[in-house]
Amino acid sequence: MQIVVATHNAHKVAELQSILEQLVPGIHLLTYGGPAPVEDGDTFEANALIKARAAAAHTGLPSIADDSGVSVDALDGAPGIDSAHYSGQRDDTANLQLVLAELGDESNRAAHFTCAAALVDPLDGAGAPFEHVALGVWPGTIALEAAGIGGFGYDPIFIPEGLEVTSAEISADEKNAISHRGRAFTALAEALRERYGKPDS
C-alpha cells in the first residue's frame, strides 16, 4: 500500500512510517515533492485537510497529512496553529526560545500538543474524494529550559504528563507510543485498515 505523506519534513515522514508500519502491515509512505499549499485554515483539522487534498490532487494517490502544534495555557493557547512559524520563521530553536521568553517565570506552565491527521483518497469512485480526520491530544507542561536532543519542534521544552523529562529526552519508540501524533495516526490507522484492508490478508 503506497500512501503519499503531504510534508517536506523528513523527520515527520520517518516518525509516521515508524508509527503506521506497526498498525497497518505493508504500508509504504512516499515523500511528497510537490508544491506546498497555503495553510490558511483556522483549525488543525482544516490545515491537515488542506495539505492532504493538495498532495492527493498533485499525485493522484491516497495522501495523508497532519497539522500539529503546542498550546500553552498561560499564553492563551498560543502558539497553537502558528507553532511552526511562531517566531516569524520556520526555526525550531527560535520558536521554542520565544515560548520560554514569553512564559518567563510563570508558574502555570500547563500545555498540550494537538495533532490532526487527515486522509484524502482522490480515487473514491463515487465522484468525490474520500476524506477522514482523526485527532490526538498530548497533555503536559513547559519546562523552564530546553533539554534533550531527540525529536524536533517543541520537544526539548515539553514535559509529557506523567514524566519528569522532556519529549526530546525519551526514545523515538516511547514518544511514538504516547505522543499526540502517535494517538492521531493510531486512530487514522483504523480508517486505513477499514478502507484498504490488511495488505497481507
N, C-alpha and C. Protein backbone atom coordinates (compact mmCIF):
# COMPACT_ATOMS: atom_id res chain seq x y z
N MET A 1 0.84 -1.19 0.00
CA MET A 1 0.00 0.00 0.00
C MET A 1 0.88 1.24 0.00
N GLN A 2 0.74 2.07 -1.03
CA GLN A 2 1.52 3.28 -1.13
C GLN A 2 0.66 4.50 -0.79
N ILE A 3 1.14 5.26 0.17
CA ILE A 3 0.43 6.46 0.62
C ILE A 3 1.42 7.62 0.60
N VAL A 4 1.00 8.73 0.03
CA VAL A 4 1.84 9.92 0.00
C VAL A 4 1.69 10.68 1.32
N VAL A 5 2.82 11.13 1.87
CA VAL A 5 2.80 11.97 3.06
C VAL A 5 2.98 13.41 2.62
N ALA A 6 1.99 14.22 2.88
CA ALA A 6 2.00 15.61 2.41
C ALA A 6 2.84 16.50 3.31
N THR A 7 4.15 16.27 3.28
CA THR A 7 5.08 17.12 4.03
C THR A 7 6.44 17.05 3.37
N HIS A 8 7.23 18.11 3.58
CA HIS A 8 8.62 18.11 3.13
C HIS A 8 9.55 17.88 4.32
N ASN A 9 8.96 17.57 5.48
CA ASN A 9 9.72 17.36 6.72
C ASN A 9 10.13 15.90 6.84
N ALA A 10 11.41 15.62 6.61
CA ALA A 10 11.90 14.23 6.63
C ALA A 10 11.74 13.60 8.00
N HIS A 11 11.89 14.40 9.07
CA HIS A 11 11.70 13.87 10.43
C HIS A 11 10.29 13.32 10.59
N LYS A 12 9.32 14.07 10.06
CA LYS A 12 7.93 13.66 10.22
C LYS A 12 7.62 12.39 9.43
N VAL A 13 8.17 12.29 8.22
CA VAL A 13 7.94 11.09 7.40
C VAL A 13 8.47 9.85 8.12
N ALA A 14 9.68 9.95 8.66
CA ALA A 14 10.27 8.82 9.37
C ALA A 14 9.45 8.45 10.60
N GLU A 15 8.97 9.45 11.31
CA GLU A 15 8.17 9.20 12.51
C GLU A 15 6.87 8.51 12.15
N LEU A 16 6.23 8.98 11.08
CA LEU A 16 4.95 8.38 10.66
C LEU A 16 5.14 6.96 10.14
N GLN A 17 6.23 6.71 9.42
CA GLN A 17 6.49 5.35 8.95
C GLN A 17 6.64 4.40 10.13
N SER A 18 7.35 4.86 11.16
CA SER A 18 7.56 4.05 12.36
C SER A 18 6.24 3.76 13.07
N ILE A 19 5.37 4.75 13.11
CA ILE A 19 4.07 4.59 13.77
C ILE A 19 3.15 3.67 12.98
N LEU A 20 3.02 3.95 11.68
CA LEU A 20 2.00 3.27 10.88
C LEU A 20 2.38 1.86 10.44
N GLU A 21 3.67 1.58 10.26
CA GLU A 21 4.04 0.25 9.78
C GLU A 21 3.70 -0.83 10.80
N GLN A 22 3.58 -0.45 12.07
CA GLN A 22 3.19 -1.41 13.09
C GLN A 22 1.68 -1.59 13.16
N LEU A 23 0.95 -0.58 12.66
CA LEU A 23 -0.51 -0.61 12.74
C LEU A 23 -1.16 -1.08 11.45
N VAL A 24 -0.50 -0.80 10.33
CA VAL A 24 -1.03 -1.19 9.02
C VAL A 24 0.08 -1.92 8.27
N PRO A 25 0.20 -3.23 8.46
CA PRO A 25 1.28 -4.00 7.84
C PRO A 25 1.33 -3.81 6.33
N GLY A 26 2.52 -3.58 5.82
CA GLY A 26 2.70 -3.44 4.37
C GLY A 26 2.60 -2.02 3.86
N ILE A 27 2.32 -1.08 4.73
CA ILE A 27 2.18 0.30 4.28
C ILE A 27 3.56 0.87 3.93
N HIS A 28 3.60 1.65 2.86
CA HIS A 28 4.85 2.31 2.46
C HIS A 28 4.54 3.77 2.20
N LEU A 29 5.20 4.64 2.93
CA LEU A 29 4.95 6.07 2.81
C LEU A 29 5.89 6.70 1.79
N LEU A 30 5.33 7.47 0.89
CA LEU A 30 6.09 8.17 -0.13
C LEU A 30 6.22 9.64 0.25
N THR A 31 7.40 10.19 0.09
CA THR A 31 7.61 11.61 0.38
C THR A 31 6.99 12.46 -0.72
N TYR A 32 6.34 13.51 -0.33
CA TYR A 32 5.68 14.42 -1.27
C TYR A 32 6.69 15.45 -1.78
N GLY A 33 6.78 15.57 -3.11
CA GLY A 33 7.72 16.53 -3.68
C GLY A 33 7.06 17.67 -4.41
N GLY A 34 5.74 17.79 -4.26
CA GLY A 34 5.01 18.82 -4.98
C GLY A 34 4.98 20.15 -4.25
N PRO A 35 4.26 21.11 -4.81
CA PRO A 35 4.18 22.44 -4.20
C PRO A 35 3.44 22.42 -2.87
N ALA A 36 3.89 23.24 -1.95
CA ALA A 36 3.24 23.34 -0.64
C ALA A 36 2.05 24.29 -0.74
N PRO A 37 0.88 23.87 -0.27
CA PRO A 37 -0.29 24.75 -0.33
C PRO A 37 -0.24 25.83 0.75
N VAL A 38 -1.07 26.81 0.61
CA VAL A 38 -1.20 27.85 1.63
C VAL A 38 -2.06 27.28 2.76
N GLU A 39 -1.49 27.22 3.94
CA GLU A 39 -2.21 26.68 5.09
C GLU A 39 -2.94 27.82 5.80
N ASP A 40 -4.12 28.12 5.30
CA ASP A 40 -4.86 29.27 5.82
C ASP A 40 -6.10 28.86 6.61
N GLY A 41 -6.13 27.60 7.07
CA GLY A 41 -7.24 27.16 7.91
C GLY A 41 -7.12 27.74 9.30
N ASP A 42 -8.23 27.75 10.02
CA ASP A 42 -8.21 28.31 11.38
C ASP A 42 -8.26 27.23 12.46
N THR A 43 -8.08 25.96 12.04
CA THR A 43 -8.00 24.85 12.99
C THR A 43 -6.94 23.86 12.50
N PHE A 44 -6.48 23.00 13.40
CA PHE A 44 -5.54 21.95 13.00
C PHE A 44 -6.18 21.04 11.95
N GLU A 45 -7.46 20.72 12.15
CA GLU A 45 -8.16 19.83 11.23
C GLU A 45 -8.21 20.43 9.81
N ALA A 46 -8.53 21.71 9.73
CA ALA A 46 -8.64 22.37 8.43
C ALA A 46 -7.30 22.37 7.69
N ASN A 47 -6.23 22.67 8.41
CA ASN A 47 -4.92 22.72 7.77
C ASN A 47 -4.43 21.33 7.34
N ALA A 48 -4.74 20.31 8.14
CA ALA A 48 -4.36 18.95 7.76
C ALA A 48 -5.06 18.56 6.46
N LEU A 49 -6.32 18.89 6.34
CA LEU A 49 -7.07 18.57 5.12
C LEU A 49 -6.55 19.35 3.92
N ILE A 50 -6.18 20.60 4.13
CA ILE A 50 -5.63 21.41 3.03
C ILE A 50 -4.40 20.73 2.45
N LYS A 51 -3.51 20.27 3.33
CA LYS A 51 -2.27 19.63 2.88
C LYS A 51 -2.53 18.28 2.21
N ALA A 52 -3.41 17.48 2.81
CA ALA A 52 -3.69 16.16 2.23
C ALA A 52 -4.40 16.29 0.89
N ARG A 53 -5.32 17.25 0.76
CA ARG A 53 -6.02 17.46 -0.51
C ARG A 53 -5.04 17.89 -1.60
N ALA A 54 -4.10 18.76 -1.26
CA ALA A 54 -3.12 19.24 -2.25
C ALA A 54 -2.25 18.09 -2.75
N ALA A 55 -1.78 17.25 -1.85
CA ALA A 55 -0.93 16.13 -2.24
C ALA A 55 -1.71 15.12 -3.08
N ALA A 56 -2.94 14.85 -2.69
CA ALA A 56 -3.77 13.90 -3.44
C ALA A 56 -4.06 14.42 -4.84
N ALA A 57 -4.33 15.72 -4.95
CA ALA A 57 -4.62 16.31 -6.26
C ALA A 57 -3.38 16.30 -7.14
N HIS A 58 -2.22 16.53 -6.54
CA HIS A 58 -0.97 16.61 -7.31
C HIS A 58 -0.48 15.24 -7.76
N THR A 59 -0.66 14.23 -6.91
CA THR A 59 -0.11 12.90 -7.21
C THR A 59 -1.14 11.91 -7.74
N GLY A 60 -2.41 12.16 -7.45
CA GLY A 60 -3.45 11.21 -7.82
C GLY A 60 -3.49 9.99 -6.94
N LEU A 61 -2.75 10.03 -5.82
CA LEU A 61 -2.66 8.90 -4.90
C LEU A 61 -3.28 9.25 -3.55
N PRO A 62 -3.69 8.23 -2.79
CA PRO A 62 -4.15 8.50 -1.42
C PRO A 62 -3.04 9.22 -0.66
N SER A 63 -3.42 10.23 0.09
CA SER A 63 -2.44 11.05 0.79
C SER A 63 -2.85 11.29 2.23
N ILE A 64 -1.84 11.35 3.09
CA ILE A 64 -2.10 11.69 4.48
C ILE A 64 -1.30 12.92 4.85
N ALA A 65 -1.80 13.65 5.81
CA ALA A 65 -1.11 14.84 6.29
C ALA A 65 -1.51 15.06 7.73
N ASP A 66 -0.66 15.82 8.41
CA ASP A 66 -1.07 16.21 9.76
C ASP A 66 -0.76 17.68 9.96
N ASP A 67 -1.48 18.27 10.88
CA ASP A 67 -1.16 19.61 11.32
C ASP A 67 -1.14 19.53 12.83
N SER A 68 -0.09 20.04 13.41
CA SER A 68 0.05 19.89 14.85
C SER A 68 0.73 21.10 15.45
N GLY A 69 0.62 21.22 16.76
CA GLY A 69 1.27 22.32 17.45
C GLY A 69 1.05 22.21 18.94
N VAL A 70 1.71 23.10 19.65
CA VAL A 70 1.60 23.12 21.10
C VAL A 70 0.80 24.35 21.52
N SER A 71 -0.07 24.15 22.48
CA SER A 71 -0.89 25.24 23.01
C SER A 71 -0.57 25.39 24.49
N VAL A 72 -0.20 26.60 24.89
CA VAL A 72 0.21 26.89 26.26
C VAL A 72 -0.88 27.68 26.97
N ASP A 73 -1.36 27.16 28.09
CA ASP A 73 -2.48 27.79 28.79
C ASP A 73 -2.21 29.25 29.13
N ALA A 74 -1.03 29.52 29.70
CA ALA A 74 -0.72 30.88 30.15
C ALA A 74 -0.52 31.86 28.99
N LEU A 75 -0.39 31.34 27.77
CA LEU A 75 -0.25 32.19 26.59
C LEU A 75 -1.54 32.21 25.79
N ASP A 76 -2.66 31.93 26.48
CA ASP A 76 -3.99 31.93 25.84
C ASP A 76 -4.06 30.98 24.65
N GLY A 77 -3.37 29.84 24.75
CA GLY A 77 -3.44 28.83 23.70
C GLY A 77 -2.38 28.96 22.63
N ALA A 78 -1.59 30.02 22.67
CA ALA A 78 -0.50 30.16 21.69
C ALA A 78 0.63 29.17 22.04
N PRO A 79 1.45 28.81 21.06
CA PRO A 79 1.44 29.18 19.65
C PRO A 79 0.28 28.57 18.84
N GLY A 80 -0.29 27.44 19.26
CA GLY A 80 -1.41 26.84 18.55
C GLY A 80 -1.10 26.52 17.10
N ILE A 81 -2.02 26.93 16.21
CA ILE A 81 -1.83 26.61 14.79
C ILE A 81 -0.67 27.38 14.18
N ASP A 82 -0.12 28.35 14.91
CA ASP A 82 1.04 29.10 14.41
C ASP A 82 2.36 28.52 14.92
N SER A 83 2.33 27.32 15.49
CA SER A 83 3.51 26.73 16.12
C SER A 83 4.73 26.66 15.21
N ALA A 84 4.54 26.31 13.95
CA ALA A 84 5.68 26.08 13.05
C ALA A 84 6.46 27.35 12.74
N HIS A 85 5.79 28.50 12.82
CA HIS A 85 6.47 29.76 12.49
C HIS A 85 6.15 30.83 13.52
N TYR A 86 6.10 30.42 14.78
CA TYR A 86 5.71 31.32 15.86
C TYR A 86 6.64 32.53 16.00
N SER A 87 7.91 32.32 15.74
CA SER A 87 8.89 33.40 15.87
C SER A 87 8.99 34.24 14.61
N GLY A 88 8.17 33.92 13.63
CA GLY A 88 8.23 34.62 12.36
C GLY A 88 9.05 33.89 11.32
N GLN A 89 9.60 32.76 11.71
CA GLN A 89 10.38 31.94 10.79
C GLN A 89 10.21 30.48 11.16
N ARG A 90 10.51 29.60 10.21
CA ARG A 90 10.43 28.15 10.49
C ARG A 90 11.74 27.69 11.09
N ASP A 91 11.94 28.04 12.35
CA ASP A 91 13.17 27.71 13.07
C ASP A 91 12.78 27.18 14.43
N ASP A 92 13.01 25.87 14.64
CA ASP A 92 12.58 25.22 15.88
C ASP A 92 13.16 25.91 17.11
N THR A 93 14.44 26.21 17.08
CA THR A 93 15.09 26.81 18.25
C THR A 93 14.53 28.19 18.54
N ALA A 94 14.36 29.00 17.51
CA ALA A 94 13.81 30.34 17.69
C ALA A 94 12.39 30.28 18.24
N ASN A 95 11.61 29.33 17.75
CA ASN A 95 10.22 29.19 18.19
C ASN A 95 10.13 28.82 19.67
N LEU A 96 10.88 27.80 20.08
CA LEU A 96 10.77 27.37 21.47
C LEU A 96 11.41 28.39 22.42
N GLN A 97 12.44 29.09 21.98
CA GLN A 97 13.04 30.12 22.83
C GLN A 97 12.07 31.28 23.04
N LEU A 98 11.26 31.58 22.04
CA LEU A 98 10.26 32.64 22.18
C LEU A 98 9.21 32.23 23.21
N VAL A 99 8.78 30.98 23.16
CA VAL A 99 7.80 30.49 24.15
C VAL A 99 8.38 30.60 25.56
N LEU A 100 9.62 30.18 25.73
CA LEU A 100 10.26 30.26 27.05
C LEU A 100 10.36 31.71 27.51
N ALA A 101 10.70 32.61 26.60
CA ALA A 101 10.84 34.02 26.96
C ALA A 101 9.50 34.62 27.35
N GLU A 102 8.45 34.25 26.62
CA GLU A 102 7.13 34.80 26.92
C GLU A 102 6.59 34.26 28.24
N LEU A 103 6.91 33.01 28.56
CA LEU A 103 6.46 32.44 29.83
C LEU A 103 7.25 33.00 31.02
N GLY A 104 8.55 33.24 30.81
CA GLY A 104 9.37 33.74 31.90
C GLY A 104 9.30 32.82 33.10
N ASP A 105 9.00 33.40 34.27
CA ASP A 105 8.90 32.59 35.49
C ASP A 105 7.45 32.27 35.85
N GLU A 106 6.57 32.32 34.87
CA GLU A 106 5.15 31.97 35.07
C GLU A 106 5.04 30.59 35.72
N SER A 107 4.23 30.51 36.78
CA SER A 107 4.09 29.24 37.49
C SER A 107 3.15 28.26 36.79
N ASN A 108 2.17 28.78 36.07
CA ASN A 108 1.25 27.92 35.32
C ASN A 108 1.89 27.58 33.98
N ARG A 109 2.44 26.38 33.87
CA ARG A 109 3.15 26.00 32.65
C ARG A 109 2.42 24.86 31.92
N ALA A 110 1.14 24.70 32.22
CA ALA A 110 0.34 23.66 31.57
C ALA A 110 0.27 23.90 30.06
N ALA A 111 0.35 22.82 29.31
CA ALA A 111 0.31 22.90 27.86
C ALA A 111 -0.15 21.57 27.29
N HIS A 112 -0.46 21.56 26.03
CA HIS A 112 -0.78 20.29 25.37
C HIS A 112 -0.45 20.39 23.89
N PHE A 113 -0.01 19.29 23.34
CA PHE A 113 0.17 19.15 21.90
C PHE A 113 -1.15 18.65 21.31
N THR A 114 -1.47 19.13 20.12
CA THR A 114 -2.62 18.64 19.37
C THR A 114 -2.14 18.23 17.99
N CYS A 115 -2.66 17.11 17.49
CA CYS A 115 -2.36 16.69 16.13
C CYS A 115 -3.66 16.27 15.43
N ALA A 116 -3.89 16.83 14.27
CA ALA A 116 -4.98 16.40 13.41
C ALA A 116 -4.37 15.64 12.25
N ALA A 117 -4.79 14.39 12.06
CA ALA A 117 -4.28 13.55 10.98
C ALA A 117 -5.38 13.35 9.94
N ALA A 118 -5.07 13.66 8.69
CA ALA A 118 -6.08 13.59 7.63
C ALA A 118 -5.68 12.59 6.55
N LEU A 119 -6.67 11.90 6.03
CA LEU A 119 -6.52 11.01 4.88
C LEU A 119 -7.44 11.51 3.77
N VAL A 120 -6.88 11.68 2.58
CA VAL A 120 -7.68 12.05 1.41
C VAL A 120 -7.34 11.07 0.29
N ASP A 121 -8.37 10.39 -0.23
CA ASP A 121 -8.20 9.46 -1.34
C ASP A 121 -8.97 10.02 -2.54
N PRO A 122 -8.24 10.45 -3.58
CA PRO A 122 -8.92 11.03 -4.75
C PRO A 122 -9.60 9.99 -5.62
N LEU A 123 -9.33 8.70 -5.37
CA LEU A 123 -9.86 7.62 -6.19
C LEU A 123 -11.04 6.94 -5.52
N ASP A 124 -11.95 7.73 -5.02
CA ASP A 124 -13.06 7.17 -4.26
C ASP A 124 -14.03 6.38 -5.15
N GLY A 125 -14.16 6.80 -6.41
CA GLY A 125 -15.05 6.09 -7.31
C GLY A 125 -16.50 6.51 -7.19
N ALA A 126 -16.79 7.39 -6.26
CA ALA A 126 -18.17 7.83 -6.07
C ALA A 126 -18.35 9.28 -6.51
N GLY A 127 -17.34 9.82 -7.21
CA GLY A 127 -17.45 11.17 -7.71
C GLY A 127 -16.85 12.23 -6.82
N ALA A 128 -16.48 11.86 -5.61
CA ALA A 128 -15.88 12.82 -4.68
C ALA A 128 -14.79 12.10 -3.88
N PRO A 129 -13.73 12.81 -3.52
CA PRO A 129 -12.66 12.17 -2.74
C PRO A 129 -13.17 11.70 -1.38
N PHE A 130 -12.57 10.62 -0.90
CA PHE A 130 -12.85 10.16 0.46
C PHE A 130 -11.97 10.94 1.41
N GLU A 131 -12.56 11.45 2.49
CA GLU A 131 -11.79 12.22 3.47
C GLU A 131 -12.12 11.77 4.89
N HIS A 132 -11.08 11.71 5.71
CA HIS A 132 -11.26 11.33 7.11
C HIS A 132 -10.21 12.04 7.94
N VAL A 133 -10.61 12.56 9.12
CA VAL A 133 -9.69 13.25 10.01
C VAL A 133 -9.80 12.65 11.41
N ALA A 134 -8.63 12.41 12.03
CA ALA A 134 -8.57 11.92 13.41
C ALA A 134 -7.75 12.90 14.24
N LEU A 135 -8.09 13.00 15.52
CA LEU A 135 -7.44 13.98 16.40
C LEU A 135 -6.74 13.29 17.56
N GLY A 136 -5.56 13.79 17.93
CA GLY A 136 -4.83 13.28 19.09
C GLY A 136 -4.35 14.43 19.95
N VAL A 137 -4.48 14.30 21.27
CA VAL A 137 -4.05 15.34 22.21
C VAL A 137 -3.09 14.73 23.22
N TRP A 138 -2.02 15.47 23.54
CA TRP A 138 -0.97 15.00 24.45
C TRP A 138 -0.73 16.07 25.52
N PRO A 139 -1.24 15.89 26.74
CA PRO A 139 -1.08 16.90 27.78
C PRO A 139 0.29 16.88 28.43
N GLY A 140 0.69 18.01 28.99
CA GLY A 140 1.97 18.10 29.67
C GLY A 140 2.22 19.49 30.20
N THR A 141 3.47 19.84 30.38
CA THR A 141 3.87 21.16 30.85
C THR A 141 5.09 21.64 30.08
N ILE A 142 5.35 22.95 30.16
CA ILE A 142 6.52 23.52 29.53
C ILE A 142 7.65 23.62 30.54
N ALA A 143 8.81 23.10 30.17
CA ALA A 143 9.98 23.11 31.05
C ALA A 143 10.52 24.54 31.22
N LEU A 144 11.37 24.72 32.20
CA LEU A 144 11.98 26.04 32.43
C LEU A 144 13.07 26.32 31.40
N GLU A 145 13.65 25.25 30.85
CA GLU A 145 14.68 25.41 29.82
C GLU A 145 14.69 24.18 28.94
N ALA A 146 15.26 24.33 27.76
CA ALA A 146 15.32 23.23 26.80
C ALA A 146 16.26 22.13 27.29
N ALA A 147 15.89 20.87 26.99
CA ALA A 147 16.73 19.73 27.36
C ALA A 147 16.47 18.58 26.39
N GLY A 148 17.53 17.87 26.03
CA GLY A 148 17.38 16.71 25.16
C GLY A 148 17.71 17.04 23.71
N ILE A 149 18.09 16.01 22.96
CA ILE A 149 18.46 16.20 21.56
C ILE A 149 17.60 15.38 20.61
N GLY A 150 16.62 14.66 21.14
CA GLY A 150 15.75 13.85 20.29
C GLY A 150 14.57 14.66 19.77
N GLY A 151 13.81 14.02 18.88
CA GLY A 151 12.60 14.66 18.37
C GLY A 151 12.88 15.90 17.56
N PHE A 152 11.89 16.79 17.52
CA PHE A 152 12.03 18.04 16.77
C PHE A 152 10.96 19.00 17.26
N GLY A 153 10.93 20.19 16.71
CA GLY A 153 9.93 21.17 17.11
C GLY A 153 10.10 21.58 18.57
N TYR A 154 9.00 21.50 19.31
CA TYR A 154 8.99 21.93 20.71
C TYR A 154 9.34 20.81 21.69
N ASP A 155 9.76 19.65 21.18
CA ASP A 155 10.07 18.52 22.05
C ASP A 155 11.04 18.86 23.19
N PRO A 156 12.09 19.68 22.96
CA PRO A 156 13.04 19.95 24.05
C PRO A 156 12.48 20.75 25.23
N ILE A 157 11.29 21.34 25.09
CA ILE A 157 10.73 22.10 26.22
C ILE A 157 9.39 21.53 26.70
N PHE A 158 8.96 20.41 26.13
CA PHE A 158 7.66 19.83 26.51
C PHE A 158 7.86 18.60 27.39
N ILE A 159 7.33 18.68 28.60
CA ILE A 159 7.40 17.55 29.54
C ILE A 159 6.05 16.84 29.52
N PRO A 160 5.97 15.64 28.96
CA PRO A 160 4.69 14.93 28.88
C PRO A 160 4.12 14.61 30.26
N GLU A 161 2.83 14.61 30.35
CA GLU A 161 2.15 14.26 31.61
C GLU A 161 2.60 12.87 32.07
N GLY A 162 2.99 12.78 33.35
CA GLY A 162 3.43 11.51 33.91
C GLY A 162 4.93 11.29 33.82
N LEU A 163 5.65 12.18 33.13
CA LEU A 163 7.10 12.06 33.02
C LEU A 163 7.78 13.25 33.68
N GLU A 164 9.07 13.11 33.92
CA GLU A 164 9.85 14.20 34.50
C GLU A 164 10.94 14.69 33.56
N VAL A 165 10.91 14.21 32.34
CA VAL A 165 11.87 14.63 31.32
C VAL A 165 11.11 15.13 30.10
N THR A 166 11.79 15.86 29.23
CA THR A 166 11.13 16.37 28.03
C THR A 166 10.95 15.27 26.99
N SER A 167 10.11 15.54 26.02
CA SER A 167 9.89 14.54 24.97
C SER A 167 11.10 14.44 24.04
N ALA A 168 12.09 15.32 24.20
CA ALA A 168 13.35 15.19 23.46
C ALA A 168 14.34 14.31 24.20
N GLU A 169 13.98 13.87 25.42
CA GLU A 169 14.87 13.03 26.22
C GLU A 169 14.39 11.58 26.30
N ILE A 170 13.32 11.25 25.59
CA ILE A 170 12.85 9.87 25.57
C ILE A 170 13.12 9.27 24.20
N SER A 171 13.06 7.95 24.10
CA SER A 171 13.34 7.30 22.82
C SER A 171 12.23 7.57 21.82
N ALA A 172 12.56 7.40 20.55
CA ALA A 172 11.58 7.61 19.49
C ALA A 172 10.40 6.65 19.65
N ASP A 173 10.68 5.40 20.02
CA ASP A 173 9.60 4.42 20.19
C ASP A 173 8.67 4.81 21.33
N GLU A 174 9.26 5.30 22.44
CA GLU A 174 8.44 5.71 23.57
C GLU A 174 7.60 6.92 23.21
N LYS A 175 8.20 7.84 22.50
CA LYS A 175 7.45 9.03 22.08
C LYS A 175 6.30 8.64 21.16
N ASN A 176 6.56 7.81 20.17
CA ASN A 176 5.52 7.42 19.22
C ASN A 176 4.35 6.73 19.89
N ALA A 177 4.63 6.03 21.00
CA ALA A 177 3.57 5.29 21.69
C ALA A 177 2.62 6.19 22.46
N ILE A 178 3.08 7.40 22.83
CA ILE A 178 2.26 8.24 23.69
C ILE A 178 1.99 9.63 23.15
N SER A 179 2.62 10.01 22.06
CA SER A 179 2.52 11.39 21.57
C SER A 179 1.19 11.70 20.91
N HIS A 180 0.94 12.98 20.72
CA HIS A 180 -0.23 13.46 20.01
C HIS A 180 -0.28 12.89 18.60
N ARG A 181 0.89 12.86 17.93
CA ARG A 181 0.92 12.32 16.57
C ARG A 181 0.68 10.82 16.58
N GLY A 182 1.26 10.13 17.54
CA GLY A 182 1.02 8.70 17.66
C GLY A 182 -0.45 8.40 17.89
N ARG A 183 -1.10 9.18 18.76
CA ARG A 183 -2.52 8.97 19.06
C ARG A 183 -3.39 9.26 17.85
N ALA A 184 -3.09 10.35 17.14
CA ALA A 184 -3.91 10.71 15.98
C ALA A 184 -3.77 9.68 14.87
N PHE A 185 -2.54 9.25 14.59
CA PHE A 185 -2.35 8.30 13.50
C PHE A 185 -2.73 6.87 13.88
N THR A 186 -2.75 6.56 15.16
CA THR A 186 -3.30 5.28 15.59
C THR A 186 -4.79 5.24 15.27
N ALA A 187 -5.46 6.36 15.53
CA ALA A 187 -6.89 6.45 15.19
C ALA A 187 -7.09 6.43 13.68
N LEU A 188 -6.22 7.12 12.94
CA LEU A 188 -6.35 7.15 11.48
C LEU A 188 -6.08 5.78 10.88
N ALA A 189 -5.22 4.99 11.53
CA ALA A 189 -4.90 3.66 11.03
C ALA A 189 -6.16 2.79 10.95
N GLU A 190 -7.09 3.01 11.85
CA GLU A 190 -8.35 2.25 11.79
C GLU A 190 -9.07 2.53 10.48
N ALA A 191 -9.08 3.80 10.07
CA ALA A 191 -9.73 4.16 8.80
C ALA A 191 -8.97 3.56 7.62
N LEU A 192 -7.64 3.53 7.71
CA LEU A 192 -6.83 2.93 6.64
C LEU A 192 -7.12 1.44 6.51
N ARG A 193 -7.19 0.75 7.64
CA ARG A 193 -7.46 -0.70 7.60
C ARG A 193 -8.87 -0.98 7.07
N GLU A 194 -9.83 -0.19 7.51
CA GLU A 194 -11.21 -0.40 7.07
C GLU A 194 -11.36 -0.12 5.57
N ARG A 195 -10.64 0.88 5.09
CA ARG A 195 -10.80 1.28 3.69
C ARG A 195 -10.04 0.37 2.73
N TYR A 196 -8.81 0.00 3.10
CA TYR A 196 -7.98 -0.74 2.17
C TYR A 196 -7.77 -2.20 2.53
N GLY A 197 -8.13 -2.56 3.76
CA GLY A 197 -7.92 -3.92 4.19
C GLY A 197 -6.45 -4.16 4.49
N LYS A 198 -6.16 -5.17 5.25
CA LYS A 198 -4.78 -5.51 5.56
C LYS A 198 -4.11 -6.05 4.29
N PRO A 199 -2.99 -5.46 3.89
CA PRO A 199 -2.32 -5.91 2.67
C PRO A 199 -1.90 -7.37 2.69
N ASP A 200 -1.68 -7.92 3.90
CA ASP A 200 -1.22 -9.31 3.97
C ASP A 200 -2.35 -10.29 4.21
N SER A 201 -3.59 -9.84 4.09
CA SER A 201 -4.73 -10.73 4.33
C SER A 201 -5.19 -11.33 3.02
